[in-house]
């Protein structure tokens, strides 16, 4: 399972970098979205995968061999990253809309010529 997630993360990072270096601003935004998804999956994978275990320790945790529990820290970090990436995406979309409305194009090369 970890190998599949590692390959998926690499694919998402590669696709995000490819989209970010494209000429269109819209593709840049899609690249940022893919980058945030890849970062969330990376945090999830590095945090360790435990299936069918609660994130909280039951009352029997005082036993010498407590049952396995999931680590809640990666879950909290991913929730925070989702909220932050949504806020950044909303801000970038507002900037793109304003830029396209004022310049009339979403091509980055054409935007460089309108800086006068």
PDB file of N, CA and C in Angstrom:
ATOM      1  N   UNK A   1       0.817  -1.195   0.000  1.00  0.00           N
ATOM      2  CA  UNK A   1       0.000   0.000   0.000  1.00  0.00           C
ATOM      3  C   UNK A   1       0.862   1.260   0.000  1.00  0.00           C
ATOM      4  N   UNK A   2       1.956   1.214   0.750  1.00  0.00           N
ATOM      5  CA  UNK A   2       2.830   2.379   0.814  1.00  0.00           C
ATOM      6  C   UNK A   2       3.507   2.625  -0.531  1.00  0.00           C
ATOM      7  N   UNK A   3       3.848   1.564  -1.238  1.00  0.00           N
ATOM      8  CA  UNK A   3       4.472   1.721  -2.547  1.00  0.00           C
ATOM      9  C   UNK A   3       3.505   2.371  -3.542  1.00  0.00           C
ATOM     10  N   UNK A   4       2.258   1.977  -3.501  1.00  0.00           N
ATOM     11  CA  UNK A   4       1.258   2.570  -4.391  1.00  0.00           C
ATOM     12  C   UNK A   4       1.088   4.053  -4.077  1.00  0.00           C
ATOM     13  N   UNK A   5       1.031   4.390  -2.796  1.00  0.00           N
ATOM     14  CA  UNK A   5       0.915   5.795  -2.416  1.00  0.00           C
ATOM     15  C   UNK A   5       2.161   6.588  -2.803  1.00  0.00           C
ATOM     16  N   UNK A   6       3.335   5.987  -2.672  1.00  0.00           N
ATOM     17  CA  UNK A   6       4.568   6.682  -3.060  1.00  0.00           C
ATOM     18  C   UNK A   6       4.584   6.962  -4.559  1.00  0.00           C
ATOM     19  N   UNK A   7       4.152   6.004  -5.354  1.00  0.00           N
ATOM     20  CA  UNK A   7       4.078   6.214  -6.797  1.00  0.00           C
ATOM     21  C   UNK A   7       3.029   7.270  -7.152  1.00  0.00           C
ATOM     22  N   UNK A   8       1.925   7.253  -6.458  1.00  0.00           N
ATOM     23  CA  UNK A   8       0.876   8.249  -6.689  1.00  0.00           C
ATOM     24  C   UNK A   8       1.365   9.646  -6.324  1.00  0.00           C
ATOM     25  N   UNK A   9       2.072   9.751  -5.212  1.00  0.00           N
ATOM     26  CA  UNK A   9       2.606  11.045  -4.792  1.00  0.00           C
ATOM     27  C   UNK A   9       3.618  11.559  -5.815  1.00  0.00           C
ATOM     28  N   UNK A  10       4.492  10.689  -6.279  1.00  0.00           N
ATOM     29  CA  UNK A  10       5.461  11.094  -7.298  1.00  0.00           C
ATOM     30  C   UNK A  10       4.785  11.530  -8.586  1.00  0.00           C
ATOM     31  N   UNK A  11       3.746  10.810  -8.983  1.00  0.00           N
ATOM     32  CA  UNK A  11       2.999  11.175 -10.179  1.00  0.00           C
ATOM     33  C   UNK A  11       2.309  12.525 -10.009  1.00  0.00           C
ATOM     34  N   UNK A  12       1.721  12.744  -8.845  1.00  0.00           N
ATOM     35  CA  UNK A  12       1.049  14.030  -8.597  1.00  0.00           C
ATOM     36  C   UNK A  12       2.043  15.188  -8.567  1.00  0.00           C
ATOM     37  N   UNK A  13       3.192  14.987  -7.923  1.00  0.00           N
ATOM     38  CA  UNK A  13       4.207  16.043  -7.908  1.00  0.00           C
ATOM     39  C   UNK A  13       4.723  16.331  -9.319  1.00  0.00           C
ATOM     40  N   UNK A  14       4.962  15.279 -10.089  1.00  0.00           N
ATOM     41  CA  UNK A  14       5.429  15.473 -11.457  1.00  0.00           C
ATOM     42  C   UNK A  14       4.407  16.204 -12.318  1.00  0.00           C
ATOM     43  N   UNK A  15       3.148  15.796 -12.209  1.00  0.00           N
ATOM     44  CA  UNK A  15       2.091  16.466 -12.972  1.00  0.00           C
ATOM     45  C   UNK A  15       1.924  17.911 -12.521  1.00  0.00           C
ATOM     46  N   UNK A  16       2.063  18.160 -11.212  1.00  0.00           N
ATOM     47  CA  UNK A  16       1.931  19.527 -10.697  1.00  0.00           C
ATOM     48  C   UNK A  16       3.057  20.411 -11.229  1.00  0.00           C
ATOM     49  N   UNK A  17       4.276  19.908 -11.220  1.00  0.00           N
ATOM     50  CA  UNK A  17       5.390  20.708 -11.738  1.00  0.00           C
ATOM     51  C   UNK A  17       5.244  20.966 -13.236  1.00  0.00           C
ATOM     52  N   UNK A  18       4.757  19.962 -13.958  1.00  0.00           N
ATOM     53  CA  UNK A  18       4.541  20.150 -15.393  1.00  0.00           C
ATOM     54  C   UNK A  18       3.469  21.220 -15.637  1.00  0.00           C
ATOM     55  N   UNK A  19       2.395  21.179 -14.864  1.00  0.00           N
ATOM     56  CA  UNK A  19       1.318  22.152 -15.049  1.00  0.00           C
ATOM     57  C   UNK A  19       1.767  23.556 -14.638  1.00  0.00           C
ATOM     58  N   UNK A  20       2.612  23.660 -13.627  1.00  0.00           N
ATOM     59  CA  UNK A  20       3.051  24.969 -13.147  1.00  0.00           C
ATOM     60  C   UNK A  20       3.945  25.669 -14.175  1.00  0.00           C
ATOM     61  N   UNK A  21       4.743  24.911 -14.926  1.00  0.00           N
ATOM     62  CA  UNK A  21       5.641  25.560 -15.892  1.00  0.00           C
ATOM     63  C   UNK A  21       4.992  25.794 -17.246  1.00  0.00           C
ATOM     64  N   UNK A  22       3.717  25.502 -17.398  1.00  0.00           N
ATOM     65  CA  UNK A  22       3.004  25.765 -18.649  1.00  0.00           C
ATOM     66  C   UNK A  22       2.750  27.256 -18.804  1.00  0.00           C
ATOM     67  N   UNK A  23       2.284  27.677 -19.977  1.00  0.00           N
ATOM     68  CA  UNK A  23       2.121  29.096 -20.275  1.00  0.00           C
ATOM     69  C   UNK A  23       0.805  29.675 -19.772  1.00  0.00           C
ATOM     70  N   UNK A  24      -0.169  28.879 -19.492  1.00  0.00           N
ATOM     71  CA  UNK A  24      -1.491  29.377 -19.133  1.00  0.00           C
ATOM     72  C   UNK A  24      -1.618  29.536 -17.617  1.00  0.00           C
ATOM     73  N   UNK A  25      -2.294  30.596 -17.218  1.00  0.00           N
ATOM     74  CA  UNK A  25      -2.508  30.808 -15.780  1.00  0.00           C
ATOM     75  C   UNK A  25      -3.455  29.762 -15.215  1.00  0.00           C
ATOM     76  N   UNK A  26      -4.425  29.337 -16.001  1.00  0.00           N
ATOM     77  CA  UNK A  26      -5.378  28.325 -15.539  1.00  0.00           C
ATOM     78  C   UNK A  26      -4.651  27.012 -15.246  1.00  0.00           C
ATOM     79  N   UNK A  27      -3.692  26.646 -16.098  1.00  0.00           N
ATOM     80  CA  UNK A  27      -2.899  25.443 -15.847  1.00  0.00           C
ATOM     81  C   UNK A  27      -2.031  25.605 -14.607  1.00  0.00           C
ATOM     82  N   UNK A  28      -1.574  26.809 -14.356  1.00  0.00           N
ATOM     83  CA  UNK A  28      -0.821  27.084 -13.133  1.00  0.00           C
ATOM     84  C   UNK A  28      -1.680  26.825 -11.904  1.00  0.00           C
ATOM     85  N   UNK A  29      -2.935  27.238 -11.952  1.00  0.00           N
ATOM     86  CA  UNK A  29      -3.845  27.017 -10.822  1.00  0.00           C
ATOM     87  C   UNK A  29      -4.086  25.516 -10.621  1.00  0.00           C
ATOM     88  N   UNK A  30      -4.300  24.780 -11.715  1.00  0.00           N
ATOM     89  CA  UNK A  30      -4.473  23.332 -11.598  1.00  0.00           C
ATOM     90  C   UNK A  30      -3.213  22.678 -11.043  1.00  0.00           C
ATOM     91  N   UNK A  31      -2.065  23.182 -11.403  1.00  0.00           N
ATOM     92  CA  UNK A  31      -0.818  22.672 -10.848  1.00  0.00           C
ATOM     93  C   UNK A  31      -0.724  22.905  -9.349  1.00  0.00           C
ATOM     94  N   UNK A  32      -1.180  24.063  -8.887  1.00  0.00           N
ATOM     95  CA  UNK A  32      -1.189  24.328  -7.446  1.00  0.00           C
ATOM     96  C   UNK A  32      -2.133  23.384  -6.706  1.00  0.00           C
ATOM     97  N   UNK A  33      -3.263  23.080  -7.329  1.00  0.00           N
ATOM     98  CA  UNK A  33      -4.212  22.139  -6.713  1.00  0.00           C
ATOM     99  C   UNK A  33      -3.582  20.752  -6.611  1.00  0.00           C
ATOM    100  N   UNK A  34      -2.955  20.300  -7.687  1.00  0.00           N
ATOM    101  CA  UNK A  34      -2.297  18.993  -7.650  1.00  0.00           C
ATOM    102  C   UNK A  34      -1.159  18.964  -6.639  1.00  0.00           C
ATOM    103  N   UNK A  35      -0.448  20.063  -6.519  1.00  0.00           N
ATOM    104  CA  UNK A  35       0.643  20.149  -5.554  1.00  0.00           C
ATOM    105  C   UNK A  35       0.133  20.025  -4.121  1.00  0.00           C
ATOM    106  N   UNK A  36      -0.988  20.662  -3.830  1.00  0.00           N
ATOM    107  CA  UNK A  36      -1.542  20.561  -2.479  1.00  0.00           C
ATOM    108  C   UNK A  36      -2.056  19.158  -2.192  1.00  0.00           C
ATOM    109  N   UNK A  37      -2.643  18.498  -3.203  1.00  0.00           N
ATOM    110  CA  UNK A  37      -3.090  17.120  -2.999  1.00  0.00           C
ATOM    111  C   UNK A  37      -1.902  16.184  -2.764  1.00  0.00           C
ATOM    112  N   UNK A  38      -0.834  16.406  -3.504  1.00  0.00           N
ATOM    113  CA  UNK A  38       0.356  15.578  -3.324  1.00  0.00           C
ATOM    114  C   UNK A  38       0.960  15.780  -1.938  1.00  0.00           C
ATOM    115  N   UNK A  39       0.972  17.010  -1.465  1.00  0.00           N
ATOM    116  CA  UNK A  39       1.505  17.274  -0.118  1.00  0.00           C
ATOM    117  C   UNK A  39       0.637  16.611   0.952  1.00  0.00           C
ATOM    118  N   UNK A  40      -0.672  16.630   0.772  1.00  0.00           N
ATOM    119  CA  UNK A  40      -1.555  15.973   1.737  1.00  0.00           C
ATOM    120  C   UNK A  40      -1.327  14.465   1.753  1.00  0.00           C
ATOM    121  N   UNK A  41      -1.190  13.861   0.584  1.00  0.00           N
ATOM    122  CA  UNK A  41      -0.914  12.424   0.542  1.00  0.00           C
ATOM    123  C   UNK A  41       0.441  12.094   1.133  1.00  0.00           C
ATOM    124  N   UNK A  42       1.411  12.981   0.953  1.00  0.00           N
ATOM    125  CA  UNK A  42       2.734  12.756   1.535  1.00  0.00           C
ATOM    126  C   UNK A  42       2.662  12.768   3.063  1.00  0.00           C
ATOM    127  N   UNK A  43       1.952  13.722   3.618  1.00  0.00           N
ATOM    128  CA  UNK A  43       1.789  13.774   5.079  1.00  0.00           C
ATOM    129  C   UNK A  43       1.084  12.526   5.580  1.00  0.00           C
ATOM    130  N   UNK A  44       0.055  12.092   4.851  1.00  0.00           N
ATOM    131  CA  UNK A  44      -0.694  10.897   5.225  1.00  0.00           C
ATOM    132  C   UNK A  44       0.199   9.658   5.207  1.00  0.00           C
ATOM    133  N   UNK A  45       1.028   9.531   4.187  1.00  0.00           N
ATOM    134  CA  UNK A  45       1.875   8.352   4.055  1.00  0.00           C
ATOM    135  C   UNK A  45       3.003   8.352   5.081  1.00  0.00           C
ATOM    136  N   UNK A  46       3.613   9.499   5.303  1.00  0.00           N
ATOM    137  CA  UNK A  46       4.714   9.576   6.263  1.00  0.00           C
ATOM    138  C   UNK A  46       4.221   9.337   7.689  1.00  0.00           C
ATOM    139  N   UNK A  47       2.979   9.704   7.956  1.00  0.00           N
ATOM    140  CA  UNK A  47       2.417   9.508   9.283  1.00  0.00           C
ATOM    141  C   UNK A  47       2.212   8.054   9.654  1.00  0.00           C
ATOM    142  N   UNK A  48       2.320   7.164   8.707  1.00  0.00           N
ATOM    143  CA  UNK A  48       2.138   5.739   8.980  1.00  0.00           C
ATOM    144  C   UNK A  48       0.704   5.319   8.711  1.00  0.00           C
ATOM    145  N   UNK A  49       0.570   4.155   8.140  1.00  0.00           N
ATOM    146  CA  UNK A  49      -0.747   3.651   7.796  1.00  0.00           C
ATOM    147  C   UNK A  49      -1.160   2.581   8.794  1.00  0.00           C
ATOM    148  N   UNK A  50      -2.203   2.818   9.519  1.00  0.00           N
ATOM    149  CA  UNK A  50      -2.788   1.813  10.398  1.00  0.00           C
ATOM    150  C   UNK A  50      -4.265   1.733  10.058  1.00  0.00           C
ATOM    151  N   UNK A  51      -4.696   0.557   9.711  1.00  0.00           N
ATOM    152  CA  UNK A  51      -6.083   0.372   9.305  1.00  0.00           C
ATOM    153  C   UNK A  51      -6.925  -0.148  10.461  1.00  0.00           C
ATOM    154  N   UNK A  52      -8.161   0.273  10.471  1.00  0.00           N
ATOM    155  CA  UNK A  52      -9.179  -0.229  11.407  1.00  0.00           C
ATOM    156  C   UNK A  52      -8.803  -0.016  12.875  1.00  0.00           C
ATOM    157  N   UNK A  53      -8.084   1.071  13.144  1.00  0.00           N
ATOM    158  CA  UNK A  53      -7.757   1.404  14.525  1.00  0.00           C
ATOM    159  C   UNK A  53      -8.215   2.827  14.798  1.00  0.00           C
ATOM    160  N   UNK A  54      -8.749   3.064  15.989  1.00  0.00           N
ATOM    161  CA  UNK A  54      -9.216   4.420  16.303  1.00  0.00           C
ATOM    162  C   UNK A  54      -8.035   5.350  16.563  1.00  0.00           C
ATOM    163  N   UNK A  55      -8.234   6.680  16.386  1.00  0.00           N
ATOM    164  CA  UNK A  55      -7.149   7.609  16.664  1.00  0.00           C
ATOM    165  C   UNK A  55      -6.976   7.904  18.152  1.00  0.00           C
ATOM    166  N   UNK A  56      -7.857   7.392  19.000  1.00  0.00           N
ATOM    167  CA  UNK A  56      -7.772   7.613  20.438  1.00  0.00           C
ATOM    168  C   UNK A  56      -7.516   6.299  21.147  1.00  0.00           C
ATOM    169  N   UNK A  57      -6.739   6.354  22.218  1.00  0.00           N
ATOM    170  CA  UNK A  57      -6.444   5.156  22.985  1.00  0.00           C
ATOM    171  C   UNK A  57      -7.627   4.816  23.894  1.00  0.00           C
ATOM    172  N   UNK A  58      -8.057   3.558  23.906  1.00  0.00           N
ATOM    173  CA  UNK A  58      -9.154   3.180  24.805  1.00  0.00           C
ATOM    174  C   UNK A  58      -8.679   3.146  26.253  1.00  0.00           C
ATOM    175  N   UNK A  59      -9.591   2.879  27.146  1.00  0.00           N
ATOM    176  CA  UNK A  59      -9.258   2.885  28.575  1.00  0.00           C
ATOM    177  C   UNK A  59      -8.278   1.779  28.942  1.00  0.00           C
ATOM    178  N   UNK A  60      -8.170   0.756  28.139  1.00  0.00           N
ATOM    179  CA  UNK A  60      -7.238  -0.325  28.430  1.00  0.00           C
ATOM    180  C   UNK A  60      -5.808   0.037  28.043  1.00  0.00           C
ATOM    181  N   UNK A  61      -5.538   1.297  27.766  1.00  0.00           N
ATOM    182  CA  UNK A  61      -4.193   1.706  27.353  1.00  0.00           C
ATOM    183  C   UNK A  61      -3.184   1.583  28.479  1.00  0.00           C
ATOM    184  N   UNK A  62      -3.647   1.476  29.719  1.00  0.00           N
ATOM    185  CA  UNK A  62      -2.736   1.332  30.847  1.00  0.00           C
ATOM    186  C   UNK A  62      -2.183  -0.086  30.946  1.00  0.00           C
ATOM    187  N   UNK A  63      -2.670  -0.999  30.133  1.00  0.00           N
ATOM    188  CA  UNK A  63      -2.163  -2.361  30.129  1.00  0.00           C
ATOM    189  C   UNK A  63      -0.723  -2.380  29.632  1.00  0.00           C
ATOM    190  N   UNK A  64       0.038  -3.429  29.928  1.00  0.00           N
ATOM    191  CA  UNK A  64       1.429  -3.486  29.474  1.00  0.00           C
ATOM    192  C   UNK A  64       1.563  -3.476  27.948  1.00  0.00           C
ATOM    193  N   UNK A  65       0.596  -4.043  27.243  1.00  0.00           N
ATOM    194  CA  UNK A  65       0.610  -4.060  25.785  1.00  0.00           C
ATOM    195  C   UNK A  65      -0.670  -3.398  25.279  1.00  0.00           C
ATOM    196  N   UNK A  66      -0.656  -2.065  25.167  1.00  0.00           N
ATOM    197  CA  UNK A  66      -1.883  -1.392  24.718  1.00  0.00           C
ATOM    198  C   UNK A  66      -2.199  -1.741  23.266  1.00  0.00           C
ATOM    199  N   UNK A  67      -3.475  -1.708  22.900  1.00  0.00           N
ATOM    200  CA  UNK A  67      -3.828  -1.999  21.497  1.00  0.00           C
ATOM    201  C   UNK A  67      -3.325  -0.904  20.556  1.00  0.00           C
ATOM    202  N   UNK A  68      -3.195  -1.262  19.306  1.00  0.00           N
ATOM    203  CA  UNK A  68      -2.685  -0.314  18.310  1.00  0.00           C
ATOM    204  C   UNK A  68      -3.709   0.790  18.068  1.00  0.00           C
ATOM    205  N   UNK A  69      -3.215   2.010  17.942  1.00  0.00           N
ATOM    206  CA  UNK A  69      -4.073   3.150  17.637  1.00  0.00           C
ATOM    207  C   UNK A  69      -3.454   3.917  16.470  1.00  0.00           C
ATOM    208  N   UNK A  70      -4.280   4.639  15.758  1.00  0.00           N
ATOM    209  CA  UNK A  70      -3.806   5.477  14.665  1.00  0.00           C
ATOM    210  C   UNK A  70      -3.266   6.787  15.237  1.00  0.00           C
ATOM    211  N   UNK A  71      -2.264   7.347  14.588  1.00  0.00           N
ATOM    212  CA  UNK A  71      -1.691   8.607  15.030  1.00  0.00           C
ATOM    213  C   UNK A  71      -2.592   9.760  14.580  1.00  0.00           C
ATOM    214  N   UNK A  72      -3.133  10.565  15.494  1.00  0.00           N
ATOM    215  CA  UNK A  72      -4.047  11.635  15.081  1.00  0.00           C
ATOM    216  C   UNK A  72      -3.342  12.876  14.537  1.00  0.00           C
ATOM    217  N   UNK A  73      -2.037  13.009  14.734  1.00  0.00           N
ATOM    218  CA  UNK A  73      -1.335  14.207  14.281  1.00  0.00           C
ATOM    219  C   UNK A  73      -1.345  14.377  12.757  1.00  0.00           C
ATOM    220  N   UNK A  74      -1.046  13.339  11.971  1.00  0.00           N
ATOM    221  CA  UNK A  74      -1.133  13.534  10.510  1.00  0.00           C
ATOM    222  C   UNK A  74      -2.545  13.896  10.047  1.00  0.00           C
ATOM    223  N   UNK A  75      -3.552  13.341  10.711  1.00  0.00           N
ATOM    224  CA  UNK A  75      -4.926  13.672  10.351  1.00  0.00           C
ATOM    225  C   UNK A  75      -5.204  15.148  10.598  1.00  0.00           C
ATOM    226  N   UNK A  76      -4.735  15.661  11.721  1.00  0.00           N
ATOM    227  CA  UNK A  76      -4.935  17.082  12.027  1.00  0.00           C
ATOM    228  C   UNK A  76      -4.149  17.971  11.069  1.00  0.00           C
ATOM    229  N   UNK A  77      -2.931  17.567  10.724  1.00  0.00           N
ATOM    230  CA  UNK A  77      -2.128  18.344   9.776  1.00  0.00           C
ATOM    231  C   UNK A  77      -2.772  18.378   8.391  1.00  0.00           C
ATOM    232  N   UNK A  78      -3.332  17.256   7.964  1.00  0.00           N
ATOM    233  CA  UNK A  78      -3.976  17.211   6.655  1.00  0.00           C
ATOM    234  C   UNK A  78      -5.229  18.071   6.647  1.00  0.00           C
ATOM    235  N   UNK A  79      -6.022  18.032   7.706  1.00  0.00           N
ATOM    236  CA  UNK A  79      -7.206  18.892   7.768  1.00  0.00           C
ATOM    237  C   UNK A  79      -6.817  20.363   7.706  1.00  0.00           C
ATOM    238  N   UNK A  80      -5.759  20.726   8.413  1.00  0.00           N
ATOM    239  CA  UNK A  80      -5.288  22.105   8.369  1.00  0.00           C
ATOM    240  C   UNK A  80      -4.782  22.464   6.979  1.00  0.00           C
ATOM    241  N   UNK A  81      -4.054  21.553   6.344  1.00  0.00           N
ATOM    242  CA  UNK A  81      -3.526  21.811   4.999  1.00  0.00           C
ATOM    243  C   UNK A  81      -4.648  21.944   3.977  1.00  0.00           C
ATOM    244  N   UNK A  82      -5.727  21.188   4.142  1.00  0.00           N
ATOM    245  CA  UNK A  82      -6.866  21.295   3.230  1.00  0.00           C
ATOM    246  C   UNK A  82      -7.493  22.678   3.333  1.00  0.00           C
ATOM    247  N   UNK A  83      -7.664  23.159   4.543  1.00  0.00           N
ATOM    248  CA  UNK A  83      -8.262  24.485   4.741  1.00  0.00           C
ATOM    249  C   UNK A  83      -7.361  25.575   4.169  1.00  0.00           C
ATOM    250  N   UNK A  84      -6.069  25.471   4.422  1.00  0.00           N
ATOM    251  CA  UNK A  84      -5.131  26.475   3.914  1.00  0.00           C
ATOM    252  C   UNK A  84      -5.081  26.444   2.393  1.00  0.00           C
ATOM    253  N   UNK A  85      -5.035  25.252   1.802  1.00  0.00           N
ATOM    254  CA  UNK A  85      -4.975  25.171   0.343  1.00  0.00           C
ATOM    255  C   UNK A  85      -6.271  25.671  -0.294  1.00  0.00           C
ATOM    256  N   UNK A  86      -7.402  25.473   0.364  1.00  0.00           N
ATOM    257  CA  UNK A  86      -8.654  26.025  -0.164  1.00  0.00           C
ATOM    258  C   UNK A  86      -8.630  27.548  -0.133  1.00  0.00           C
ATOM    259  N   UNK A  87      -8.120  28.123   0.939  1.00  0.00           N
ATOM    260  CA  UNK A  87      -8.014  29.577   1.026  1.00  0.00           C
ATOM    261  C   UNK A  87      -7.066  30.149  -0.013  1.00  0.00           C
ATOM    262  N   UNK A  88      -5.923  29.492  -0.201  1.00  0.00           N
ATOM    263  CA  UNK A  88      -4.962  29.946  -1.210  1.00  0.00           C
ATOM    264  C   UNK A  88      -5.557  29.816  -2.607  1.00  0.00           C
ATOM    265  N   UNK A  89      -6.282  28.720  -2.852  1.00  0.00           N
ATOM    266  CA  UNK A  89      -6.903  28.526  -4.157  1.00  0.00           C
ATOM    267  C   UNK A  89      -7.952  29.598  -4.439  1.00  0.00           C
ATOM    268  N   UNK A  90      -8.751  29.935  -3.450  1.00  0.00           N
ATOM    269  CA  UNK A  90      -9.755  30.983  -3.640  1.00  0.00           C
ATOM    270  C   UNK A  90      -9.088  32.324  -3.939  1.00  0.00           C
ATOM    271  N   UNK A  91      -8.002  32.630  -3.239  1.00  0.00           N
ATOM    272  CA  UNK A  91      -7.286  33.880  -3.473  1.00  0.00           C
ATOM    273  C   UNK A  91      -6.661  33.906  -4.871  1.00  0.00           C
ATOM    274  N   UNK A  92      -6.045  32.801  -5.278  1.00  0.00           N
ATOM    275  CA  UNK A  92      -5.415  32.733  -6.598  1.00  0.00           C
ATOM    276  C   UNK A  92      -6.468  32.830  -7.693  1.00  0.00           C
ATOM    277  N   UNK A  93      -7.614  32.197  -7.513  1.00  0.00           N
ATOM    278  CA  UNK A  93      -8.677  32.299  -8.514  1.00  0.00           C
ATOM    279  C   UNK A  93      -9.180  33.730  -8.654  1.00  0.00           C
ATOM    280  N   UNK A  94      -9.277  34.448  -7.541  1.00  0.00           N
ATOM    281  CA  UNK A  94      -9.689  35.849  -7.615  1.00  0.00           C
ATOM    282  C   UNK A  94      -8.638  36.684  -8.351  1.00  0.00           C
ATOM    283  N   UNK A  95      -7.356  36.419  -8.087  1.00  0.00           N
ATOM    284  CA  UNK A  95      -6.297  37.131  -8.801  1.00  0.00           C
ATOM    285  C   UNK A  95      -6.292  36.806 -10.294  1.00  0.00           C
ATOM    286  N   UNK A  96      -6.511  35.549 -10.636  1.00  0.00           N
ATOM    287  CA  UNK A  96      -6.532  35.149 -12.041  1.00  0.00           C
ATOM    288  C   UNK A  96      -7.709  35.803 -12.754  1.00  0.00           C
ATOM    289  N   UNK A  97      -8.850  35.810 -12.115  1.00  0.00           N
ATOM    290  CA  UNK A  97     -10.029  36.426 -12.730  1.00  0.00           C
ATOM    291  C   UNK A  97      -9.791  37.908 -12.978  1.00  0.00           C
ATOM    292  N   UNK A  98      -9.211  38.570 -12.020  1.00  0.00           N
ATOM    293  CA  UNK A  98      -8.928  39.997 -12.160  1.00  0.00           C
ATOM    294  C   UNK A  98      -7.875  40.254 -13.250  1.00  0.00           C
ATOM    295  N   UNK A  99      -6.849  39.407 -13.296  1.00  0.00           N
ATOM    296  CA  UNK A  99      -5.795  39.568 -14.287  1.00  0.00           C
ATOM    297  C   UNK A  99      -6.318  39.331 -15.695  1.00  0.00           C
ATOM    298  N   UNK A 100      -7.097  38.277 -15.878  1.00  0.00           N
ATOM    299  CA  UNK A 100      -7.644  37.977 -17.200  1.00  0.00           C
ATOM    300  C   UNK A 100      -8.619  39.065 -17.632  1.00  0.00           C
ATOM    301  N   UNK A 101      -9.395  39.600 -16.683  1.00  0.00           N
ATOM    302  CA  UNK A 101     -10.339  40.667 -17.035  1.00  0.00           C
ATOM    303  C   UNK A 101      -9.611  41.947 -17.443  1.00  0.00           C
ATOM    304  N   UNK A 102      -8.509  42.275 -16.786  1.00  0.00           N
ATOM    305  CA  UNK A 102      -7.810  43.518 -17.113  1.00  0.00           C
ATOM    306  C   UNK A 102      -6.882  43.374 -18.323  1.00  0.00           C
ATOM    307  N   UNK A 103      -6.253  42.189 -18.494  1.00  0.00           N
ATOM    308  CA  UNK A 103      -5.304  42.010 -19.591  1.00  0.00           C
ATOM    309  C   UNK A 103      -5.952  41.398 -20.829  1.00  0.00           C
ATOM    310  N   UNK A 104      -7.042  40.677 -20.650  1.00  0.00           N
ATOM    311  CA  UNK A 104      -7.719  40.072 -21.783  1.00  0.00           C
ATOM    312  C   UNK A 104      -7.117  38.771 -22.261  1.00  0.00           C
ATOM    313  N   UNK A 105      -6.158  38.217 -21.528  1.00  0.00           N
ATOM    314  CA  UNK A 105      -5.532  36.950 -21.918  1.00  0.00           C
ATOM    315  C   UNK A 105      -5.087  36.208 -20.668  1.00  0.00           C
ATOM    316  N   UNK A 106      -4.913  34.881 -20.827  1.00  0.00           N
ATOM    317  CA  UNK A 106      -4.372  34.102 -19.714  1.00  0.00           C
ATOM    318  C   UNK A 106      -2.999  33.524 -20.055  1.00  0.00           C
ATOM    319  N   UNK A 107      -2.431  33.945 -21.181  1.00  0.00           N
ATOM    320  CA  UNK A 107      -1.105  33.499 -21.592  1.00  0.00           C
ATOM    321  C   UNK A 107      -0.048  34.328 -20.855  1.00  0.00           C
ATOM    322  N   UNK A 108       0.876  33.646 -20.186  1.00  0.00           N
ATOM    323  CA  UNK A 108       1.879  34.349 -19.389  1.00  0.00           C
ATOM    324  C   UNK A 108       2.832  35.171 -20.243  1.00  0.00           C
ATOM    325  N   UNK A 109       3.130  34.716 -21.462  1.00  0.00           N
ATOM    326  CA  UNK A 109       4.009  35.488 -22.345  1.00  0.00           C
ATOM    327  C   UNK A 109       3.332  36.790 -22.785  1.00  0.00           C
ATOM    328  N   UNK A 110       2.058  36.738 -23.052  1.00  0.00           N
ATOM    329  CA  UNK A 110       1.321  37.957 -23.414  1.00  0.00           C
ATOM    330  C   UNK A 110       1.205  38.908 -22.227  1.00  0.00           C
ATOM    331  N   UNK A 111       1.136  38.369 -21.026  1.00  0.00           N
ATOM    332  CA  UNK A 111       1.045  39.233 -19.841  1.00  0.00           C
ATOM    333  C   UNK A 111       2.345  39.995 -19.625  1.00  0.00           C
ATOM    334  N   UNK A 112       3.480  39.421 -20.015  1.00  0.00           N
ATOM    335  CA  UNK A 112       4.760  40.107 -19.850  1.00  0.00           C
ATOM    336  C   UNK A 112       4.826  41.344 -20.751  1.00  0.00           C
ATOM    337  N   UNK A 113       4.186  41.282 -21.897  1.00  0.00           N
ATOM    338  CA  UNK A 113       4.230  42.417 -22.818  1.00  0.00           C
ATOM    339  C   UNK A 113       3.281  43.527 -22.410  1.00  0.00           C
ATOM    340  N   UNK A 114       2.339  43.259 -21.496  1.00  0.00           N
ATOM    341  CA  UNK A 114       1.384  44.285 -21.074  1.00  0.00           C
ATOM    342  C   UNK A 114       1.825  44.993 -19.801  1.00  0.00           C
ATOM    343  N   UNK A 115       3.068  44.798 -19.355  1.00  0.00           N
ATOM    344  CA  UNK A 115       3.531  45.395 -18.102  1.00  0.00           C
ATOM    345  C   UNK A 115       3.927  46.860 -18.224  1.00  0.00           C
ATOM    346  N   UNK A 116       3.801  47.482 -19.353  1.00  0.00           N
ATOM    347  CA  UNK A 116       4.294  48.843 -19.568  1.00  0.00           C
ATOM    348  C   UNK A 116       3.571  49.849 -18.747  1.00  0.00           C
TER     349      UNK A 116
END
